[in-house]
Protein backbone atom coordinates (compact mmCIF):
# COMPACT_ATOMS: atom_id res chain seq x y z
CA MET A 1 30.55 154.56 107.74
CA SER A 2 31.27 157.28 105.21
CA THR A 3 32.98 156.36 101.92
CA ALA A 4 35.90 158.50 102.80
CA LEU A 5 36.55 156.84 106.24
CA PHE A 6 36.17 153.30 104.73
CA ARG A 7 38.56 154.23 101.86
CA TRP A 8 40.90 155.89 104.57
CA ARG A 9 40.78 152.75 106.71
CA SER A 10 41.44 150.59 103.77
CA ALA A 11 44.31 152.08 102.88
CA ALA A 12 45.82 152.33 106.35
CA ALA A 13 45.27 148.59 106.65
CA ALA A 14 47.00 147.82 103.29
CA LEU A 15 49.93 150.24 104.56
CA VAL A 16 50.14 148.09 107.38
CA ALA A 17 49.66 144.42 105.52
CA LEU A 18 52.55 145.80 103.10
CA PHE A 19 54.69 146.88 106.06
CA LEU A 20 54.11 143.68 108.11
CA GLY A 21 54.70 141.78 104.62
CA SER A 22 58.11 143.45 104.12
CA GLY A 23 59.31 142.61 107.43
CA ALA A 24 58.63 138.79 106.84
CA ASN A 25 60.31 139.25 103.59
CA SER A 26 63.36 140.84 105.37
CA ALA A 27 63.56 138.46 107.99
CA ARG A 28 63.40 135.37 105.58
CA ALA A 29 65.94 137.13 103.49
CA GLU A 30 67.97 137.39 106.68
CA GLU A 31 67.85 133.77 107.32
CA PRO A 32 70.94 131.66 106.59
CA ILE A 33 71.42 129.32 103.74
CA LYS A 34 71.88 126.00 105.28
CA ILE A 35 74.28 123.49 103.41
CA GLY A 36 75.01 119.78 104.57
CA ILE A 37 78.73 118.75 104.84
CA LEU A 38 78.15 114.74 104.46
CA HIS A 39 81.87 113.46 105.62
CA SER A 40 83.18 110.44 107.71
CA LEU A 41 85.07 111.95 110.82
CA SER A 42 85.40 108.62 112.33
CA GLY A 43 86.13 105.18 111.17
CA THR A 44 88.16 103.81 108.63
CA MET A 45 87.67 106.72 105.82
CA ALA A 46 88.01 109.50 108.18
CA ILE A 47 91.92 109.67 107.45
CA SER A 48 90.74 110.97 103.94
CA GLU A 49 87.61 112.49 104.65
CA THR A 50 88.02 115.03 107.62
CA ILE A 51 89.99 117.11 105.46
CA LEU A 52 87.38 118.08 103.13
CA LYS A 53 85.17 118.94 105.92
CA ASP A 54 87.82 121.42 106.88
CA LEU A 55 88.05 122.27 103.37
CA MET A 56 84.34 123.23 103.07
CA LEU A 57 84.33 125.09 106.41
CA MET A 58 87.34 127.21 105.26
CA GLU A 59 85.43 128.30 101.74
CA VAL A 60 82.10 129.02 103.92
CA ALA A 61 83.64 131.22 106.17
CA ASP A 62 85.59 133.23 103.19
CA VAL A 63 82.36 133.89 101.63
CA ASN A 64 80.73 134.73 104.64
CA ALA A 65 83.56 136.97 105.77
CA LYS A 66 82.65 139.07 101.82
CA GLY A 67 78.99 139.41 102.63
CA GLY A 68 77.56 136.04 102.14
CA LEU A 69 75.52 134.61 99.49
CA LEU A 70 72.13 136.50 98.16
CA GLY A 71 72.62 138.82 100.91
CA ARG A 72 72.66 135.89 103.51
CA GLN A 73 75.16 133.93 105.52
CA ILE A 74 75.82 130.35 104.77
CA GLU A 75 75.32 128.12 107.74
CA PRO A 76 77.17 124.64 107.23
CA VAL A 77 75.18 121.70 108.77
CA VAL A 78 78.37 118.83 109.77
CA VAL A 79 77.36 115.45 110.32
CA ASP A 80 79.34 112.57 110.90
CA PRO A 81 78.31 109.05 109.32
CA ALA A 82 81.30 107.30 110.60
CA SER A 83 82.18 105.27 107.73
CA ASN A 84 78.84 103.46 108.07
CA TRP A 85 77.29 103.30 104.51
CA PRO A 86 73.87 102.77 106.15
CA LEU A 87 74.36 105.57 108.12
CA PHE A 88 75.07 108.00 105.25
CA ALA A 89 71.74 107.47 103.58
CA GLU A 90 70.31 108.26 107.18
CA LYS A 91 72.23 111.27 107.74
CA ALA A 92 71.52 112.51 104.31
CA ARG A 93 67.72 112.53 104.97
CA GLU A 94 67.92 114.20 107.82
CA LEU A 95 69.82 117.06 106.10
CA LEU A 96 67.29 117.35 103.65
CA THR A 97 64.00 117.04 105.57
CA LYS A 98 65.02 118.17 109.19
CA ASP A 99 67.43 120.85 108.27
CA LYS A 100 66.51 121.68 104.95
CA VAL A 101 69.41 122.24 103.45
CA ALA A 102 70.09 123.73 100.03
CA ALA A 103 72.64 121.53 98.77
CA VAL A 104 74.84 118.57 100.28
CA PHE A 105 78.50 118.29 99.77
CA GLY A 106 79.96 114.91 100.65
CA CYS A 107 80.72 111.24 100.19
CA TRP A 108 84.18 109.65 99.77
CA THR A 109 83.58 106.10 98.79
CA SER A 110 81.29 104.97 95.75
CA VAL A 111 79.45 102.78 98.35
CA SER A 112 78.62 105.82 100.52
CA ARG A 113 77.38 107.79 97.26
CA LYS A 114 75.20 104.75 96.23
CA SER A 115 73.70 104.66 99.69
CA VAL A 116 72.66 108.36 99.55
CA LEU A 117 71.77 108.25 95.99
CA PRO A 118 67.84 106.94 96.06
CA VAL A 119 67.55 109.58 99.28
CA PHE A 120 68.69 112.50 96.89
CA GLU A 121 66.36 111.10 93.92
CA GLU A 122 63.49 110.61 96.02
CA LEU A 123 63.69 114.06 97.91
CA ASP A 124 65.03 116.03 95.09
CA GLY A 125 67.94 117.23 96.89
CA LEU A 126 71.47 118.08 95.36
CA LEU A 127 74.45 116.21 96.01
CA PHE A 128 77.78 117.58 95.06
CA TYR A 129 80.60 114.75 95.07
CA PRO A 130 84.24 115.61 94.76
CA LEU A 131 85.94 112.01 94.30
CA GLU A 132 86.67 110.26 91.30
CA TYR A 133 84.80 107.11 90.89
CA GLU A 134 84.10 104.12 88.59
CA GLY A 135 81.60 106.02 86.11
CA GLU A 136 78.50 103.79 85.14
CA GLU A 137 76.09 106.44 86.53
CA ALA A 138 74.75 109.74 85.99
CA SER A 139 72.11 111.19 88.25
CA TYR A 140 70.09 114.42 87.66
CA ASN A 141 70.56 115.04 91.16
CA ILE A 142 74.38 114.72 91.66
CA PHE A 143 77.12 116.84 90.28
CA TYR A 144 80.50 114.99 89.99
CA GLY A 145 83.49 116.96 90.60
CA SER A 146 86.19 114.78 89.51
CA SER A 147 87.35 111.92 87.20
CA VAL A 148 85.80 108.90 85.90
CA PRO A 149 87.95 105.50 84.42
CA ASP A 150 88.00 107.31 80.95
CA ASN A 151 89.83 110.46 81.90
CA LYS A 152 91.78 108.86 84.83
CA ALA A 153 92.22 105.09 85.37
CA VAL A 154 92.43 104.46 81.38
CA PRO A 155 95.12 106.92 80.68
CA ALA A 156 97.04 106.33 83.68
CA VAL A 157 97.42 102.77 82.63
CA GLU A 158 98.20 103.85 79.12
CA TYR A 159 101.26 105.98 80.83
CA LEU A 160 102.41 102.76 82.41
CA MET A 161 102.51 100.87 79.04
CA SER A 162 104.31 103.52 77.45
CA LYS A 163 108.09 103.86 77.12
CA GLU A 164 108.05 106.96 79.17
CA GLY A 165 105.92 104.96 81.95
CA GLY A 166 108.40 102.06 82.37
CA GLU A 167 106.45 99.56 79.32
CA VAL A 168 104.77 97.65 81.92
CA LYS A 169 103.52 94.27 80.67
CA ARG A 170 101.83 92.78 83.57
CA PHE A 171 99.19 94.28 86.06
CA VAL A 172 98.09 93.46 89.60
CA LEU A 173 94.65 95.27 90.22
CA GLU A 174 94.73 95.33 94.09
CA GLY A 175 91.71 97.04 95.46
CA THR A 176 89.35 97.23 98.56
CA ASP A 177 86.36 95.17 98.28
CA TYR A 178 83.42 97.68 97.04
CA VAL A 179 81.95 99.22 93.90
CA TYR A 180 84.65 101.44 92.84
CA PRO A 181 87.55 99.43 92.75
CA ARG A 182 85.66 96.20 91.28
CA THR A 183 84.01 98.39 88.59
CA SER A 184 87.20 100.49 87.72
CA ASN A 185 88.85 97.06 87.25
CA LYS A 186 86.29 95.50 84.67
CA ILE A 187 86.90 98.36 83.08
CA ILE A 188 90.60 98.45 83.01
CA ARG A 189 90.79 95.01 82.35
CA ALA A 190 88.31 95.44 79.03
CA PHE A 191 90.77 98.21 78.13
CA LEU A 192 94.01 95.95 78.49
CA LYS A 193 92.59 93.48 76.58
CA THR A 194 91.83 95.93 73.79
CA LYS A 195 95.70 96.59 73.67
CA GLY A 196 96.63 92.63 73.70
CA VAL A 197 97.35 92.04 77.39
CA LYS A 198 96.33 88.29 78.22
CA ASP A 199 94.37 87.24 81.25
CA GLU A 200 97.39 85.56 82.87
CA ASP A 201 99.07 88.86 82.87
CA ILE A 202 96.47 90.27 85.07
CA MET A 203 96.00 89.40 88.70
CA GLU A 204 93.05 90.90 90.71
CA ASN A 205 92.56 91.04 94.33
CA TYR A 206 90.37 92.28 97.12
CA THR A 207 90.29 93.04 100.92
CA PRO A 208 88.12 94.59 103.13
CA PHE A 209 88.01 98.21 104.45
CA GLY A 210 90.54 98.45 107.24
CA PHE A 211 92.38 95.66 105.98
CA SER A 212 95.69 95.44 107.85
CA ASP A 213 97.66 92.05 107.65
CA TRP A 214 99.38 92.56 104.09
CA GLN A 215 102.12 89.88 104.40
CA THR A 216 100.53 87.41 102.27
CA GLU A 217 99.27 89.83 99.68
CA VAL A 218 102.26 91.58 99.22
CA ALA A 219 104.18 88.16 98.89
CA ALA A 220 101.93 87.20 96.09
CA ILE A 221 102.59 90.50 94.36
CA LYS A 222 106.24 89.75 94.69
CA LYS A 223 105.71 86.59 93.14
CA PHE A 224 103.43 87.43 90.27
CA GLY A 225 106.05 90.16 89.39
CA SER A 226 108.99 87.73 89.41
CA SER A 227 108.34 86.51 86.05
CA GLY A 228 110.96 88.72 84.18
CA ARG A 229 108.45 91.00 82.67
CA LYS A 230 107.78 94.36 83.90
CA THR A 231 104.86 94.32 86.48
CA ALA A 232 102.81 97.32 87.97
CA VAL A 233 100.63 97.21 90.79
CA VAL A 234 96.94 99.50 89.89
CA SER A 235 95.87 100.16 93.73
CA THR A 236 92.31 101.51 94.37
CA ILE A 237 92.78 100.77 98.27
CA ASN A 238 91.06 103.03 99.74
CA GLY A 239 91.21 104.58 103.58
CA ASP A 240 93.56 103.68 106.21
CA ALA A 241 94.40 100.23 104.91
CA ASN A 242 97.00 102.24 102.68
CA VAL A 243 98.94 102.69 105.88
CA PRO A 244 99.92 98.96 106.61
CA PHE A 245 99.89 98.28 102.85
CA TYR A 246 102.84 100.76 102.12
CA LYS A 247 104.29 99.58 105.40
CA GLU A 248 104.46 96.01 104.25
CA LEU A 249 105.72 97.13 100.76
CA GLY A 250 108.80 98.61 102.45
CA ASN A 251 109.03 95.73 104.99
CA GLN A 252 109.39 93.11 102.01
CA GLY A 253 111.68 95.42 99.90
CA VAL A 254 109.16 95.98 97.14
CA LYS A 255 110.67 98.94 95.29
CA ALA A 256 109.21 101.19 92.64
CA THR A 257 112.31 100.49 90.70
CA ASP A 258 111.15 96.88 90.52
CA ILE A 259 107.38 96.72 91.10
CA PRO A 260 105.82 100.22 90.84
CA VAL A 261 102.30 100.84 92.50
CA ILE A 262 100.16 103.60 90.96
CA ALA A 263 97.71 104.38 93.38
CA PHE A 264 94.08 106.21 92.60
CA SER A 265 93.21 106.87 96.25
CA VAL A 266 96.46 107.74 97.90
CA GLY A 267 97.49 111.70 97.80
CA GLU A 268 99.29 114.06 100.25
CA GLU A 269 97.18 113.48 103.45
CA GLU A 270 97.28 109.82 103.27
CA LEU A 271 101.18 109.77 102.98
CA ALA A 272 101.36 112.35 105.93
CA GLY A 273 101.24 109.30 108.07
CA LEU A 274 104.01 107.40 106.65
CA ASP A 275 107.81 107.09 106.53
CA THR A 276 107.62 107.61 102.75
CA LYS A 277 111.68 107.05 102.30
CA PRO A 278 110.99 103.48 101.11
CA LEU A 279 108.16 104.47 98.98
CA VAL A 280 109.90 106.90 96.55
CA GLY A 281 109.31 106.26 93.21
CA HIS A 282 105.88 104.88 93.69
CA LEU A 283 103.21 106.74 91.54
CA ALA A 284 99.74 108.14 92.11
CA ALA A 285 97.24 109.53 89.58
CA TRP A 286 95.06 112.57 90.16
CA SER A 287 94.00 115.81 88.52
CA TYR A 288 95.68 117.76 91.16
CA PHE A 289 99.15 117.68 93.07
CA GLN A 290 100.30 120.20 95.99
CA SER A 291 103.50 120.28 94.11
CA VAL A 292 101.28 122.09 90.95
CA ASN A 293 103.38 125.40 90.31
CA THR A 294 100.70 127.79 89.30
CA PRO A 295 99.84 131.02 91.00
CA GLU A 296 96.16 129.91 91.78
CA ASN A 297 97.71 126.95 93.69
CA LYS A 298 100.17 129.12 95.25
CA ALA A 299 97.38 131.22 96.81
CA PHE A 300 95.37 128.19 97.74
CA ILE A 301 97.69 126.45 99.65
CA ALA A 302 98.50 129.82 101.34
CA LYS A 303 95.07 130.16 102.47
CA TRP A 304 94.62 126.86 103.58
CA ARG A 305 97.80 127.06 106.05
CA ALA A 306 96.26 130.19 107.14
CA TYR A 307 93.07 128.84 107.98
CA THR A 308 94.21 125.82 109.56
CA LYS A 309 97.02 127.68 111.36
CA ASN A 310 99.69 124.80 110.27
CA PRO A 311 102.17 125.80 107.87
CA LYS A 312 103.03 122.20 107.13
CA ARG A 313 99.18 121.42 106.36
CA VAL A 314 98.96 119.56 103.02
CA THR A 315 96.53 119.97 100.21
CA ASN A 316 95.21 117.26 97.84
CA ASP A 317 93.01 116.48 94.60
CA PRO A 318 89.65 115.81 96.41
CA MET A 319 90.15 119.15 98.13
CA GLU A 320 90.61 120.85 94.73
CA SER A 321 87.36 119.31 93.51
CA ALA A 322 85.46 120.19 96.51
CA TYR A 323 86.56 123.62 96.01
CA ILE A 324 85.38 123.63 92.62
CA LEU A 325 82.05 122.27 92.96
CA PHE A 326 81.30 124.77 95.87
CA HIS A 327 82.37 127.60 94.01
CA MET A 328 80.49 126.47 91.00
CA TRP A 329 77.17 126.35 93.28
CA VAL A 330 77.76 129.59 94.50
CA GLN A 331 77.92 131.00 90.94
CA ALA A 332 74.70 129.02 90.02
CA VAL A 333 72.85 130.47 92.90
CA GLN A 334 73.90 133.66 92.11
CA GLN A 335 72.89 133.49 88.65
CA ALA A 336 69.77 131.77 89.39
CA GLY A 337 69.07 134.37 92.15
CA THR A 338 67.65 131.42 94.50
CA THR A 339 68.34 128.45 96.16
CA ASP A 340 65.66 126.48 94.41
CA VAL A 341 67.15 123.06 93.51
CA GLU A 342 65.74 123.24 89.85
CA ALA A 343 66.86 126.83 89.17
CA VAL A 344 70.42 126.05 90.61
CA ARG A 345 70.55 122.63 88.93
CA GLN A 346 69.92 124.06 85.40
CA ALA A 347 72.07 127.20 86.26
CA MET A 348 75.05 124.74 87.52
CA ILE A 349 75.74 123.72 83.61
CA GLY A 350 78.22 125.56 81.84
CA GLN A 351 79.44 127.08 85.01
CA LYS A 352 83.48 127.64 84.80
CA VAL A 353 85.87 127.91 87.75
CA LYS A 354 89.47 128.43 87.53
CA SER A 355 91.14 125.53 89.62
CA PRO A 356 94.22 125.64 92.00
CA SER A 357 95.97 123.55 89.03
CA GLY A 358 95.54 126.00 86.68
CA PHE A 359 92.86 124.65 84.65
CA GLU A 360 89.52 126.61 83.48
CA VAL A 361 86.95 123.73 84.53
CA VAL A 362 83.47 123.69 83.14
CA MET A 363 80.58 121.91 84.19
CA GLY A 364 79.15 119.81 81.53
CA SER A 365 75.79 118.77 80.66
CA ASN A 366 76.45 115.41 81.85
CA HIS A 367 76.91 116.79 85.33
CA HIS A 368 80.74 115.85 84.84
CA MET A 369 83.75 117.81 84.11
CA ALA A 370 86.79 117.68 81.64
CA LYS A 371 89.93 117.46 83.80
CA PRO A 372 93.36 116.64 83.19
CA VAL A 373 95.11 113.43 84.54
CA MET A 374 98.45 114.00 86.28
CA ILE A 375 101.05 111.30 87.32
CA GLY A 376 102.94 111.98 90.36
CA GLU A 377 105.88 110.13 91.84
CA ILE A 378 106.41 109.92 95.58
CA GLN A 379 109.13 111.99 97.06
CA ALA A 380 110.96 111.48 100.65
CA ASP A 381 109.22 114.48 101.98
CA GLY A 382 105.69 113.00 101.26
CA GLN A 383 105.05 115.20 98.27
CA PHE A 384 104.73 114.35 94.49
CA SER A 385 107.27 115.29 91.51
CA ILE A 386 104.83 115.25 88.54
CA VAL A 387 106.18 113.04 85.86
CA TYR A 388 103.37 113.27 83.44
CA LYS A 389 100.37 115.78 82.74
CA SER A 390 97.70 115.69 80.16
CA LYS A 391 95.38 118.45 78.88
CA ALA A 392 91.99 118.48 80.11
CA LEU A 393 90.05 115.03 78.96
CA PRO A 394 86.36 114.96 78.31
CA PRO A 395 84.70 112.30 81.07
CA ARG A 396 82.40 109.74 79.70
CA ALA A 397 80.21 108.61 82.20
CA TRP A 398 79.49 105.15 80.51
CA SER A 399 82.60 103.42 79.72
CA PRO A 400 83.41 102.62 75.82
CA TYR A 401 85.20 99.66 77.19
CA VAL A 402 82.08 97.91 78.52
CA GLU A 403 79.95 96.36 75.60
CA ALA A 404 76.82 96.87 77.45
CA ASN A 405 77.26 100.63 77.45
CA LYS A 406 77.37 100.76 73.77
CA GLY A 407 75.40 104.13 72.56
CA LYS A 408 74.71 105.16 75.96
CA VAL A 409 74.56 108.85 76.41
CA ALA A 410 74.45 111.01 79.84
CA ASP A 411 73.39 114.55 78.82
CA TRP A 412 70.68 116.42 81.19
CA SER A 413 70.21 119.01 78.41
CA TRP A 414 67.33 119.01 75.94
CA PRO A 415 66.61 116.69 74.07
CA TRP A 416 68.27 113.91 75.62
CA VAL A 417 67.44 114.96 79.13
CA CYS A 418 68.56 111.40 80.46
CA GLY A 419 71.86 109.93 82.59
CA GLY A 420 72.17 106.73 80.41
CA CYS A 421 69.92 106.44 77.44
CA THR A 422 70.50 105.57 73.78
CA SER A 423 68.15 107.99 72.22
CA PRO A 424 66.63 111.33 73.12
CA ARG A 425 64.20 111.51 75.50
CA PHE A 426 62.30 114.36 73.55
CA ALA A 427 61.74 114.58 69.63
CA THR A 428 63.81 116.84 67.88
CA ASN A 429 61.52 117.52 64.79
């Protein structure tokens, strides 16, 4: 073969390889970006979690309609762990290994998050968790979208103790029997002791998920509150157990003027299934309410109702948190130019999103974000009248009211690079 012919054939082969390679790259570029949506669509938590699945589908559809992400469509993979905590872990593993999702958005209860956490850490996946929770955790593989006791439960209890909040002296800590209520109440107890509240002025009670026979518990609350000193209930009851709980409060005539209930897990969606007239004046603590009067929130509500084709469909706090996390992830992927987990994880820190409540929310290096606490009072129409709103409060993943947490730091940036240590992982000199 002549040298000229050899060179011509080599050049032709190179061109064919380049063309075929470009085609393969083009095909890969057009493949959708898969994300997992991991929320209970059946079982005791479906009353709360289904709305977050719908919110995620709305936001994905919006991004896709605008051209997608990195020139690719986002494909949501929706699974139903059915309020079954081991099934959460099983479904999370399938999403990461079988479906090859770039990220997972999901979980509501802390027990579901605790169930999936080892899976995400083992497989180095990313979970975006939209609920307020008990703190005492900071994972390299989780971004937390809502509040911890430090910037929700503690300031909410402080509000109850203030003149504005009714100068409450005695507290009923009523919760569902799992990690979030028990750990939150441990922190609340420790805080109350710093304020001089004695053990005999705190009543603590837990019931199972889906609990429905509230007569005895509500009677005990009434008895505890009959001492003549102002009493309030701090409720960490989760899921559909809230429906019979509030009904029983009404049945036994427990009025907000006598024993107010402040709920940490009841929002507009849960109230949609209740006759709220007997509940007027009871409270909830969140970082967002549908009644927030901002241009961003009006647009958010209008978009949601147009998407659901329901002019009465409500919004709530976990929806806002899910919205913030999703948009931060989109921005981080755009900034990184890839869905690679490590690149996106680094790009997430410092991401800013203007929330529907009007706050510019920033993802911190501890994978948490500063948010306000708002106290809302239940109205007859199932909405909340906001009676108190703080500035954005910085979250501390490890509560300073727990003695064992002294000196603990959550910071995934250099030189700390840890979720709960007392000294930096890397030397700074």
